[in-house]
Amino acid sequence: MAIRNAIFDFGAVVVRWQPQEIIESFYTDEDVRALIGPAILQHADWFELDRGTLDEAVALERFAARTGRPLAEMSAFIEHVRASLTPVPETLAIMRDLAERGIALYGLSNMASGTFAYLRKRYELWDAFRGIVISAHVKMMKPEREIFEHIAREHALSPAQTVFIDDHGPNVDAARRLGFRTILFESPQQCAMELSRIVTAKVT
């Protein structure tokens, strides 16, 4: 069946997401650098922020207590994380090409509400999407099947006519099991090549 829709993950696909680089650009002390990943960005609290089940103020207090770092520093670090999420120009070019072919664009991202609010205010690229589902808004996360079913139902998407693009293998596997066409994003160039094989004609 012809592809009529494309769903994009955001982090590491539409916007940059390089956790270690983010940590190293904020902290110079090696011991602190080694602490921040497990205590914040890879901790269960971070994923609860993405799920929308943990208040950011509470999370910041937990981060400070867990790391022994000042609360103000934790707040500044989170702002630094958000500022690092800059658009990937090559992915935006892919999106423009798909739109010109008549493909409807959608977004599906595991992301905290505060982070998406920051990005939405800072960049204008979001208007390219006909619909966006953020995990914290719906209290569901990839790779849970419910969030894929939610976006399909909410926007009347046929999985067989929709390609899902994500950099995380388990998310891609979950979407494939539900009947979506899928691309595991490794680079914009690789993604564009795979899309060229899937999307072959302008949709009318």
N, C-alpha and C. Protein backbone atom coordinates (compact mmCIF):
# COMPACT_ATOMS: atom_id res chain seq x y z
N MET A 1 0.84 -1.20 0.00
CA MET A 1 0.00 0.00 0.00
C MET A 1 0.88 1.24 0.00
N ALA A 2 0.40 2.29 -0.64
CA ALA A 2 1.16 3.54 -0.71
C ALA A 2 1.29 4.16 0.67
N ILE A 3 2.46 4.74 0.93
CA ILE A 3 2.68 5.44 2.19
C ILE A 3 2.03 6.82 2.11
N ARG A 4 1.17 7.11 3.08
CA ARG A 4 0.49 8.40 3.13
C ARG A 4 0.89 9.24 4.33
N ASN A 5 1.53 8.60 5.31
CA ASN A 5 1.88 9.28 6.56
C ASN A 5 3.27 8.89 7.02
N ALA A 6 3.94 9.81 7.71
CA ALA A 6 5.24 9.53 8.32
C ALA A 6 5.22 10.05 9.76
N ILE A 7 5.56 9.18 10.69
CA ILE A 7 5.65 9.55 12.11
C ILE A 7 7.12 9.64 12.49
N PHE A 8 7.51 10.79 13.03
CA PHE A 8 8.90 11.01 13.43
C PHE A 8 9.03 11.03 14.95
N ASP A 9 9.99 10.28 15.46
CA ASP A 9 10.48 10.50 16.81
C ASP A 9 11.18 11.86 16.83
N PHE A 10 11.34 12.49 17.98
CA PHE A 10 12.00 13.79 18.05
C PHE A 10 13.47 13.70 18.48
N GLY A 11 13.72 13.18 19.69
CA GLY A 11 15.09 13.15 20.19
C GLY A 11 16.01 12.28 19.37
N ALA A 12 17.12 12.84 18.91
CA ALA A 12 18.13 12.18 18.08
C ALA A 12 17.66 11.94 16.65
N VAL A 13 16.48 12.46 16.30
CA VAL A 13 15.98 12.36 14.94
C VAL A 13 15.68 13.75 14.39
N VAL A 14 14.71 14.43 14.99
CA VAL A 14 14.36 15.79 14.56
C VAL A 14 15.21 16.83 15.30
N VAL A 15 15.52 16.56 16.56
CA VAL A 15 16.41 17.44 17.33
C VAL A 15 17.57 16.62 17.88
N ARG A 16 18.72 17.27 18.06
CA ARG A 16 19.90 16.58 18.58
C ARG A 16 19.64 16.07 20.00
N TRP A 17 20.18 14.87 20.28
CA TRP A 17 20.11 14.32 21.63
C TRP A 17 21.36 13.48 21.83
N GLN A 18 22.35 14.08 22.50
CA GLN A 18 23.63 13.45 22.77
C GLN A 18 23.93 13.58 24.26
N PRO A 19 23.38 12.67 25.09
CA PRO A 19 23.48 12.82 26.55
C PRO A 19 24.90 13.03 27.07
N GLN A 20 25.86 12.24 26.62
CA GLN A 20 27.22 12.38 27.14
C GLN A 20 27.81 13.72 26.75
N GLU A 21 27.55 14.13 25.54
CA GLU A 21 28.04 15.44 25.08
C GLU A 21 27.41 16.57 25.91
N ILE A 22 26.14 16.41 26.24
CA ILE A 22 25.44 17.40 27.06
C ILE A 22 26.10 17.51 28.43
N ILE A 23 26.36 16.36 29.04
CA ILE A 23 27.00 16.35 30.36
C ILE A 23 28.38 17.00 30.30
N GLU A 24 29.16 16.62 29.31
CA GLU A 24 30.54 17.11 29.22
C GLU A 24 30.62 18.60 28.90
N SER A 25 29.59 19.12 28.25
CA SER A 25 29.60 20.55 27.94
C SER A 25 29.12 21.40 29.12
N PHE A 26 28.61 20.74 30.16
CA PHE A 26 28.15 21.47 31.36
C PHE A 26 29.10 21.30 32.53
N TYR A 27 29.67 20.11 32.65
CA TYR A 27 30.56 19.81 33.77
C TYR A 27 31.98 19.52 33.28
N THR A 28 32.98 20.01 33.99
CA THR A 28 34.37 19.74 33.65
C THR A 28 34.98 18.68 34.55
N ASP A 29 34.45 18.53 35.76
CA ASP A 29 34.99 17.57 36.72
C ASP A 29 34.60 16.15 36.30
N GLU A 30 35.57 15.26 36.14
CA GLU A 30 35.32 13.91 35.65
C GLU A 30 34.45 13.11 36.62
N ASP A 31 34.65 13.29 37.91
CA ASP A 31 33.84 12.54 38.88
C ASP A 31 32.38 12.96 38.81
N VAL A 32 32.14 14.24 38.66
CA VAL A 32 30.76 14.72 38.55
C VAL A 32 30.14 14.24 37.24
N ARG A 33 30.91 14.29 36.18
CA ARG A 33 30.41 13.80 34.89
C ARG A 33 29.94 12.35 34.99
N ALA A 34 30.73 11.54 35.68
CA ALA A 34 30.39 10.12 35.82
C ALA A 34 29.15 9.91 36.67
N LEU A 35 28.85 10.86 37.53
CA LEU A 35 27.70 10.77 38.43
C LEU A 35 26.40 11.14 37.74
N ILE A 36 26.43 12.15 36.87
CA ILE A 36 25.22 12.77 36.36
C ILE A 36 24.38 11.83 35.48
N GLY A 37 25.03 11.04 34.63
CA GLY A 37 24.26 10.14 33.77
C GLY A 37 23.39 9.19 34.55
N PRO A 38 23.96 8.33 35.40
CA PRO A 38 23.16 7.38 36.17
C PRO A 38 22.18 8.04 37.15
N ALA A 39 22.57 9.19 37.70
CA ALA A 39 21.74 9.83 38.72
C ALA A 39 20.61 10.67 38.15
N ILE A 40 20.74 11.07 36.87
CA ILE A 40 19.72 11.95 36.29
C ILE A 40 19.21 11.40 34.96
N LEU A 41 20.03 11.45 33.94
CA LEU A 41 19.54 11.18 32.58
C LEU A 41 19.20 9.71 32.34
N GLN A 42 19.79 8.82 33.12
CA GLN A 42 19.49 7.40 32.95
C GLN A 42 18.69 6.84 34.13
N HIS A 43 18.26 7.71 35.02
CA HIS A 43 17.55 7.27 36.21
C HIS A 43 16.06 7.10 35.93
N ALA A 44 15.40 6.27 36.72
CA ALA A 44 13.96 6.05 36.56
C ALA A 44 13.17 7.35 36.69
N ASP A 45 13.66 8.31 37.47
CA ASP A 45 12.96 9.59 37.61
C ASP A 45 12.88 10.33 36.27
N TRP A 46 13.92 10.21 35.45
CA TRP A 46 13.91 10.88 34.14
C TRP A 46 12.80 10.31 33.27
N PHE A 47 12.63 9.00 33.34
CA PHE A 47 11.60 8.36 32.53
C PHE A 47 10.21 8.67 33.08
N GLU A 48 10.10 8.89 34.39
CA GLU A 48 8.82 9.29 34.95
C GLU A 48 8.47 10.73 34.54
N LEU A 49 9.48 11.57 34.39
CA LEU A 49 9.22 12.90 33.81
C LEU A 49 8.68 12.77 32.40
N ASP A 50 9.29 11.89 31.61
CA ASP A 50 8.81 11.66 30.25
C ASP A 50 7.39 11.11 30.24
N ARG A 51 7.06 10.29 31.22
CA ARG A 51 5.72 9.71 31.29
C ARG A 51 4.68 10.71 31.80
N GLY A 52 5.16 11.77 32.42
CA GLY A 52 4.24 12.76 32.95
C GLY A 52 3.67 12.41 34.31
N THR A 53 4.35 11.51 35.03
CA THR A 53 3.86 11.08 36.34
C THR A 53 4.73 11.60 37.48
N LEU A 54 5.69 12.46 37.16
CA LEU A 54 6.55 13.08 38.18
C LEU A 54 6.64 14.57 37.91
N ASP A 55 6.33 15.37 38.93
CA ASP A 55 6.41 16.82 38.81
C ASP A 55 7.87 17.25 38.69
N GLU A 56 8.13 18.23 37.83
CA GLU A 56 9.51 18.65 37.61
C GLU A 56 10.17 19.19 38.88
N ALA A 57 9.44 19.94 39.67
CA ALA A 57 10.02 20.49 40.90
C ALA A 57 10.45 19.37 41.84
N VAL A 58 9.64 18.33 41.94
CA VAL A 58 9.99 17.18 42.77
C VAL A 58 11.20 16.46 42.20
N ALA A 59 11.22 16.32 40.88
CA ALA A 59 12.36 15.66 40.23
C ALA A 59 13.66 16.41 40.51
N LEU A 60 13.63 17.72 40.43
CA LEU A 60 14.83 18.52 40.68
C LEU A 60 15.32 18.32 42.11
N GLU A 61 14.40 18.26 43.06
CA GLU A 61 14.80 18.02 44.45
C GLU A 61 15.44 16.64 44.61
N ARG A 62 14.89 15.67 43.90
CA ARG A 62 15.47 14.32 43.95
C ARG A 62 16.86 14.29 43.31
N PHE A 63 16.99 14.99 42.19
CA PHE A 63 18.30 15.05 41.52
C PHE A 63 19.35 15.65 42.46
N ALA A 64 18.97 16.74 43.13
CA ALA A 64 19.89 17.42 44.05
C ALA A 64 20.27 16.50 45.21
N ALA A 65 19.28 15.82 45.78
CA ALA A 65 19.55 14.94 46.91
C ALA A 65 20.42 13.76 46.49
N ARG A 66 20.14 13.22 45.29
CA ARG A 66 20.86 12.03 44.83
C ARG A 66 22.32 12.34 44.48
N THR A 67 22.54 13.53 43.92
CA THR A 67 23.90 13.88 43.47
C THR A 67 24.69 14.67 44.50
N GLY A 68 23.99 15.25 45.48
CA GLY A 68 24.66 16.12 46.43
C GLY A 68 25.03 17.47 45.83
N ARG A 69 24.40 17.82 44.71
CA ARG A 69 24.67 19.08 44.04
C ARG A 69 23.55 20.08 44.39
N PRO A 70 23.82 21.39 44.32
CA PRO A 70 22.81 22.39 44.66
C PRO A 70 21.58 22.32 43.76
N LEU A 71 20.43 22.63 44.32
CA LEU A 71 19.17 22.62 43.56
C LEU A 71 19.24 23.58 42.37
N ALA A 72 19.83 24.76 42.58
CA ALA A 72 19.95 25.73 41.49
C ALA A 72 20.79 25.17 40.34
N GLU A 73 21.80 24.41 40.69
CA GLU A 73 22.65 23.79 39.65
C GLU A 73 21.85 22.76 38.86
N MET A 74 21.01 21.99 39.55
CA MET A 74 20.18 20.99 38.87
C MET A 74 19.21 21.66 37.90
N SER A 75 18.64 22.78 38.34
CA SER A 75 17.73 23.53 37.47
C SER A 75 18.46 24.07 36.25
N ALA A 76 19.66 24.57 36.46
CA ALA A 76 20.46 25.09 35.35
C ALA A 76 20.85 23.98 34.40
N PHE A 77 21.14 22.80 34.94
CA PHE A 77 21.51 21.67 34.08
C PHE A 77 20.34 21.26 33.19
N ILE A 78 19.14 21.21 33.75
CA ILE A 78 17.97 20.85 32.94
C ILE A 78 17.73 21.88 31.84
N GLU A 79 17.93 23.15 32.14
CA GLU A 79 17.81 24.17 31.10
C GLU A 79 18.88 23.98 30.03
N HIS A 80 20.07 23.57 30.45
CA HIS A 80 21.14 23.29 29.50
C HIS A 80 20.77 22.10 28.60
N VAL A 81 20.17 21.08 29.19
CA VAL A 81 19.72 19.93 28.40
C VAL A 81 18.74 20.40 27.33
N ARG A 82 17.79 21.21 27.72
CA ARG A 82 16.78 21.67 26.76
C ARG A 82 17.39 22.53 25.66
N ALA A 83 18.32 23.39 26.04
CA ALA A 83 18.96 24.26 25.04
C ALA A 83 19.78 23.45 24.05
N SER A 84 20.22 22.27 24.45
CA SER A 84 21.04 21.44 23.56
C SER A 84 20.21 20.75 22.48
N LEU A 85 18.90 20.73 22.63
CA LEU A 85 18.02 20.02 21.70
C LEU A 85 17.74 20.89 20.48
N THR A 86 18.74 21.06 19.66
CA THR A 86 18.61 21.93 18.48
C THR A 86 18.18 21.11 17.26
N PRO A 87 17.44 21.71 16.34
CA PRO A 87 16.96 20.98 15.17
C PRO A 87 18.09 20.42 14.32
N VAL A 88 17.84 19.27 13.71
CA VAL A 88 18.78 18.63 12.79
C VAL A 88 18.40 19.07 11.38
N PRO A 89 19.19 19.95 10.74
CA PRO A 89 18.79 20.50 9.43
C PRO A 89 18.51 19.43 8.38
N GLU A 90 19.31 18.37 8.38
CA GLU A 90 19.12 17.32 7.37
C GLU A 90 17.79 16.59 7.54
N THR A 91 17.36 16.43 8.79
CA THR A 91 16.06 15.80 9.02
C THR A 91 14.94 16.74 8.58
N LEU A 92 15.11 18.02 8.84
CA LEU A 92 14.09 18.98 8.39
C LEU A 92 13.98 18.95 6.88
N ALA A 93 15.08 18.75 6.18
CA ALA A 93 15.04 18.65 4.72
C ALA A 93 14.26 17.40 4.30
N ILE A 94 14.44 16.30 5.01
CA ILE A 94 13.67 15.08 4.73
C ILE A 94 12.19 15.34 4.91
N MET A 95 11.84 16.03 5.99
CA MET A 95 10.44 16.34 6.26
C MET A 95 9.85 17.20 5.15
N ARG A 96 10.60 18.19 4.69
CA ARG A 96 10.10 19.05 3.60
C ARG A 96 9.87 18.24 2.33
N ASP A 97 10.79 17.33 2.04
CA ASP A 97 10.66 16.50 0.85
C ASP A 97 9.41 15.63 0.93
N LEU A 98 9.18 15.03 2.10
CA LEU A 98 7.99 14.20 2.26
C LEU A 98 6.72 15.02 2.10
N ALA A 99 6.70 16.21 2.71
CA ALA A 99 5.52 17.07 2.60
C ALA A 99 5.25 17.44 1.15
N GLU A 100 6.30 17.70 0.39
CA GLU A 100 6.13 18.03 -1.02
C GLU A 100 5.59 16.86 -1.82
N ARG A 101 5.82 15.64 -1.34
CA ARG A 101 5.29 14.43 -1.99
C ARG A 101 3.86 14.14 -1.57
N GLY A 102 3.34 14.95 -0.67
CA GLY A 102 1.98 14.76 -0.19
C GLY A 102 1.86 13.86 1.01
N ILE A 103 2.98 13.59 1.68
CA ILE A 103 2.97 12.74 2.87
C ILE A 103 2.66 13.60 4.10
N ALA A 104 1.69 13.16 4.89
CA ALA A 104 1.33 13.87 6.11
C ALA A 104 2.32 13.52 7.22
N LEU A 105 2.79 14.53 7.94
CA LEU A 105 3.81 14.34 8.98
C LEU A 105 3.19 14.37 10.38
N TYR A 106 3.67 13.45 11.23
CA TYR A 106 3.23 13.39 12.61
C TYR A 106 4.45 13.20 13.51
N GLY A 107 4.29 13.56 14.79
CA GLY A 107 5.37 13.39 15.74
C GLY A 107 4.94 12.51 16.90
N LEU A 108 5.85 11.67 17.36
CA LEU A 108 5.59 10.80 18.51
C LEU A 108 6.87 10.71 19.33
N SER A 109 6.86 11.30 20.52
CA SER A 109 8.10 11.41 21.27
C SER A 109 7.90 11.13 22.76
N ASN A 110 8.85 10.42 23.34
CA ASN A 110 8.95 10.31 24.79
C ASN A 110 9.64 11.57 25.28
N MET A 111 8.88 12.44 25.93
CA MET A 111 9.44 13.74 26.32
C MET A 111 8.63 14.33 27.46
N ALA A 112 9.32 15.02 28.37
CA ALA A 112 8.66 15.72 29.47
C ALA A 112 7.88 16.93 28.94
N SER A 113 6.79 17.26 29.61
CA SER A 113 5.96 18.39 29.17
C SER A 113 6.76 19.69 29.13
N GLY A 114 7.58 19.92 30.13
CA GLY A 114 8.35 21.16 30.19
C GLY A 114 9.35 21.26 29.06
N THR A 115 9.91 20.14 28.67
CA THR A 115 10.88 20.15 27.57
C THR A 115 10.19 20.47 26.25
N PHE A 116 9.05 19.84 26.01
CA PHE A 116 8.36 20.12 24.75
C PHE A 116 7.83 21.56 24.72
N ALA A 117 7.37 22.07 25.86
CA ALA A 117 6.91 23.46 25.91
C ALA A 117 8.06 24.41 25.56
N TYR A 118 9.25 24.10 26.05
CA TYR A 118 10.43 24.90 25.73
C TYR A 118 10.71 24.86 24.23
N LEU A 119 10.72 23.66 23.65
CA LEU A 119 11.03 23.52 22.23
C LEU A 119 9.95 24.17 21.37
N ARG A 120 8.72 24.02 21.76
CA ARG A 120 7.61 24.58 20.97
C ARG A 120 7.71 26.11 20.92
N LYS A 121 8.11 26.69 22.03
CA LYS A 121 8.23 28.15 22.08
C LYS A 121 9.45 28.64 21.32
N ARG A 122 10.52 27.85 21.31
CA ARG A 122 11.79 28.30 20.73
C ARG A 122 11.86 28.12 19.21
N TYR A 123 11.23 27.07 18.69
CA TYR A 123 11.35 26.76 17.27
C TYR A 123 9.97 26.72 16.60
N GLU A 124 9.96 27.00 15.31
CA GLU A 124 8.71 27.05 14.57
C GLU A 124 8.44 25.80 13.74
N LEU A 125 9.33 24.84 13.79
CA LEU A 125 9.22 23.67 12.92
C LEU A 125 8.00 22.81 13.21
N TRP A 126 7.39 22.96 14.36
CA TRP A 126 6.30 22.07 14.78
C TRP A 126 5.05 22.22 13.94
N ASP A 127 4.90 23.35 13.27
CA ASP A 127 3.73 23.55 12.42
C ASP A 127 3.73 22.62 11.22
N ALA A 128 4.89 22.00 10.93
CA ALA A 128 4.96 21.06 9.81
C ALA A 128 4.19 19.77 10.11
N PHE A 129 3.91 19.52 11.39
CA PHE A 129 3.24 18.27 11.78
C PHE A 129 1.73 18.47 11.86
N ARG A 130 1.01 17.53 11.30
CA ARG A 130 -0.46 17.57 11.41
C ARG A 130 -0.92 17.15 12.79
N GLY A 131 -0.10 16.40 13.47
CA GLY A 131 -0.43 15.97 14.82
C GLY A 131 0.82 15.57 15.56
N ILE A 132 0.84 15.82 16.87
CA ILE A 132 1.99 15.48 17.71
C ILE A 132 1.47 14.82 18.99
N VAL A 133 2.06 13.69 19.34
CA VAL A 133 1.74 13.01 20.59
C VAL A 133 3.01 12.99 21.44
N ILE A 134 2.93 13.60 22.62
CA ILE A 134 4.03 13.64 23.58
C ILE A 134 3.68 12.73 24.76
N SER A 135 4.61 11.88 25.12
CA SER A 135 4.35 10.87 26.15
C SER A 135 3.79 11.47 27.44
N ALA A 136 4.39 12.57 27.89
CA ALA A 136 3.96 13.16 29.16
C ALA A 136 2.53 13.69 29.10
N HIS A 137 2.06 14.03 27.90
CA HIS A 137 0.70 14.53 27.76
C HIS A 137 -0.34 13.42 27.85
N VAL A 138 0.04 12.22 27.43
CA VAL A 138 -0.93 11.12 27.37
C VAL A 138 -0.66 10.03 28.40
N LYS A 139 0.42 10.20 29.18
CA LYS A 139 0.79 9.25 30.24
C LYS A 139 1.05 7.85 29.68
N MET A 140 1.60 7.79 28.48
CA MET A 140 2.00 6.54 27.84
C MET A 140 3.35 6.77 27.20
N MET A 141 4.12 5.69 27.02
CA MET A 141 5.46 5.84 26.46
C MET A 141 5.74 4.74 25.44
N LYS A 142 6.54 5.09 24.44
CA LYS A 142 7.12 4.05 23.59
C LYS A 142 8.09 3.22 24.43
N PRO A 143 8.17 1.92 24.24
CA PRO A 143 7.58 1.13 23.16
C PRO A 143 6.24 0.48 23.51
N GLU A 144 5.49 1.02 24.47
CA GLU A 144 4.20 0.43 24.82
C GLU A 144 3.25 0.51 23.63
N ARG A 145 2.54 -0.56 23.36
CA ARG A 145 1.66 -0.60 22.20
C ARG A 145 0.56 0.46 22.29
N GLU A 146 0.16 0.81 23.52
CA GLU A 146 -0.95 1.74 23.69
C GLU A 146 -0.69 3.11 23.07
N ILE A 147 0.55 3.57 23.11
CA ILE A 147 0.82 4.90 22.57
C ILE A 147 0.78 4.88 21.04
N PHE A 148 1.17 3.77 20.44
CA PHE A 148 1.06 3.65 18.99
C PHE A 148 -0.41 3.55 18.57
N GLU A 149 -1.17 2.79 19.33
CA GLU A 149 -2.60 2.69 19.05
C GLU A 149 -3.29 4.05 19.24
N HIS A 150 -2.80 4.81 20.22
CA HIS A 150 -3.37 6.13 20.48
C HIS A 150 -3.16 7.07 19.29
N ILE A 151 -1.94 7.17 18.79
CA ILE A 151 -1.70 8.10 17.68
C ILE A 151 -2.44 7.66 16.42
N ALA A 152 -2.52 6.35 16.20
CA ALA A 152 -3.25 5.85 15.04
C ALA A 152 -4.73 6.18 15.15
N ARG A 153 -5.30 5.98 16.33
CA ARG A 153 -6.72 6.26 16.54
C ARG A 153 -7.01 7.76 16.51
N GLU A 154 -6.16 8.53 17.18
CA GLU A 154 -6.37 9.98 17.29
C GLU A 154 -6.35 10.66 15.93
N HIS A 155 -5.52 10.16 15.01
CA HIS A 155 -5.36 10.82 13.72
C HIS A 155 -5.79 9.95 12.54
N ALA A 156 -6.54 8.90 12.85
CA ALA A 156 -7.10 8.03 11.81
C ALA A 156 -6.02 7.55 10.84
N LEU A 157 -4.93 7.03 11.39
CA LEU A 157 -3.81 6.56 10.58
C LEU A 157 -3.91 5.05 10.37
N SER A 158 -3.74 4.62 9.15
CA SER A 158 -3.61 3.20 8.85
C SER A 158 -2.14 2.82 8.99
N PRO A 159 -1.80 1.91 9.92
CA PRO A 159 -0.39 1.53 10.08
C PRO A 159 0.25 1.08 8.77
N ALA A 160 -0.48 0.37 7.92
CA ALA A 160 0.08 -0.13 6.67
C ALA A 160 0.44 0.99 5.71
N GLN A 161 -0.14 2.17 5.91
CA GLN A 161 0.13 3.33 5.06
C GLN A 161 0.98 4.37 5.78
N THR A 162 1.60 3.96 6.88
CA THR A 162 2.36 4.90 7.72
C THR A 162 3.75 4.36 7.99
N VAL A 163 4.76 5.20 7.79
CA VAL A 163 6.13 4.82 8.14
C VAL A 163 6.50 5.50 9.46
N PHE A 164 7.06 4.73 10.37
CA PHE A 164 7.47 5.21 11.69
C PHE A 164 8.99 5.25 11.73
N ILE A 165 9.54 6.39 12.13
CA ILE A 165 10.99 6.62 12.11
C ILE A 165 11.46 6.92 13.53
N ASP A 166 12.39 6.12 14.05
CA ASP A 166 12.85 6.27 15.43
C ASP A 166 14.27 5.74 15.53
N ASP A 167 15.06 6.27 16.46
CA ASP A 167 16.45 5.83 16.61
C ASP A 167 16.62 4.71 17.63
N HIS A 168 15.53 4.31 18.28
CA HIS A 168 15.61 3.31 19.35
C HIS A 168 14.98 2.01 18.88
N GLY A 169 15.80 0.96 18.82
CA GLY A 169 15.35 -0.30 18.27
C GLY A 169 14.06 -0.86 18.85
N PRO A 170 13.91 -0.91 20.18
CA PRO A 170 12.66 -1.46 20.74
C PRO A 170 11.41 -0.70 20.30
N ASN A 171 11.53 0.61 20.09
CA ASN A 171 10.38 1.39 19.61
C ASN A 171 10.02 0.98 18.19
N VAL A 172 11.04 0.81 17.36
CA VAL A 172 10.83 0.40 15.97
C VAL A 172 10.22 -0.99 15.93
N ASP A 173 10.72 -1.90 16.77
CA ASP A 173 10.19 -3.26 16.80
C ASP A 173 8.72 -3.27 17.21
N ALA A 174 8.37 -2.45 18.21
CA ALA A 174 6.99 -2.39 18.68
C ALA A 174 6.06 -1.89 17.58
N ALA A 175 6.50 -0.86 16.86
CA ALA A 175 5.67 -0.31 15.78
C ALA A 175 5.51 -1.33 14.66
N ARG A 176 6.58 -2.04 14.34
CA ARG A 176 6.51 -3.04 13.27
C ARG A 176 5.51 -4.14 13.62
N ARG A 177 5.51 -4.56 14.87
CA ARG A 177 4.58 -5.62 15.28
C ARG A 177 3.12 -5.18 15.13
N LEU A 178 2.88 -3.88 15.17
CA LEU A 178 1.52 -3.35 15.04
C LEU A 178 1.17 -3.03 13.59
N GLY A 179 2.07 -3.34 12.67
CA GLY A 179 1.75 -3.20 11.25
C GLY A 179 2.27 -1.95 10.58
N PHE A 180 3.02 -1.11 11.32
CA PHE A 180 3.60 0.09 10.72
C PHE A 180 4.81 -0.31 9.85
N ARG A 181 5.04 0.42 8.78
CA ARG A 181 6.33 0.37 8.10
C ARG A 181 7.31 1.11 9.01
N THR A 182 8.55 0.69 9.06
CA THR A 182 9.47 1.28 10.04
C THR A 182 10.85 1.53 9.45
N ILE A 183 11.51 2.52 10.04
CA ILE A 183 12.92 2.80 9.74
C ILE A 183 13.63 3.05 11.06
N LEU A 184 14.69 2.30 11.31
CA LEU A 184 15.56 2.56 12.46
C LEU A 184 16.53 3.66 12.05
N PHE A 185 16.37 4.83 12.63
CA PHE A 185 17.15 6.01 12.25
C PHE A 185 18.57 5.89 12.78
N GLU A 186 19.53 5.94 11.86
CA GLU A 186 20.94 5.95 12.22
C GLU A 186 21.61 7.25 11.83
N SER A 187 21.16 7.83 10.74
CA SER A 187 21.64 9.13 10.28
C SER A 187 20.62 9.67 9.30
N PRO A 188 20.60 10.98 9.07
CA PRO A 188 19.67 11.52 8.07
C PRO A 188 19.90 10.92 6.69
N GLN A 189 21.15 10.69 6.34
CA GLN A 189 21.46 10.15 5.01
C GLN A 189 20.91 8.74 4.86
N GLN A 190 21.12 7.90 5.85
CA GLN A 190 20.61 6.53 5.81
C GLN A 190 19.08 6.53 5.81
N CYS A 191 18.48 7.42 6.61
CA CYS A 191 17.02 7.51 6.66
C CYS A 191 16.46 7.92 5.30
N ALA A 192 17.07 8.90 4.68
CA ALA A 192 16.60 9.37 3.37
C ALA A 192 16.67 8.26 2.34
N MET A 193 17.74 7.47 2.37
CA MET A 193 17.88 6.37 1.42
C MET A 193 16.79 5.33 1.61
N GLU A 194 16.50 4.99 2.87
CA GLU A 194 15.46 4.00 3.13
C GLU A 194 14.09 4.55 2.75
N LEU A 195 13.86 5.81 3.01
CA LEU A 195 12.59 6.42 2.63
C LEU A 195 12.40 6.42 1.12
N SER A 196 13.49 6.61 0.38
CA SER A 196 13.39 6.64 -1.07
C SER A 196 12.90 5.31 -1.63
N ARG A 197 13.13 4.23 -0.89
CA ARG A 197 12.67 2.92 -1.33
C ARG A 197 11.22 2.66 -0.91
N ILE A 198 10.79 3.34 0.15
CA ILE A 198 9.43 3.12 0.66
C ILE A 198 8.43 4.08 0.02
N VAL A 199 8.84 5.35 -0.08
CA VAL A 199 7.95 6.37 -0.64
C VAL A 199 8.40 6.61 -2.08
N THR A 200 7.68 6.08 -3.01
CA THR A 200 8.12 6.11 -4.41
C THR A 200 7.33 7.04 -5.30
N ALA A 201 6.20 7.54 -4.82
CA ALA A 201 5.38 8.37 -5.69
C ALA A 201 4.65 9.42 -4.88
N LYS A 202 4.26 10.48 -5.56
CA LYS A 202 3.49 11.55 -4.91
C LYS A 202 2.09 11.04 -4.62
N VAL A 203 1.61 11.28 -3.41
CA VAL A 203 0.27 10.88 -3.04
C VAL A 203 -0.71 11.94 -3.50
N THR A 204 -1.79 11.51 -4.10
CA THR A 204 -2.80 12.48 -4.60
C THR A 204 -4.08 12.31 -3.82
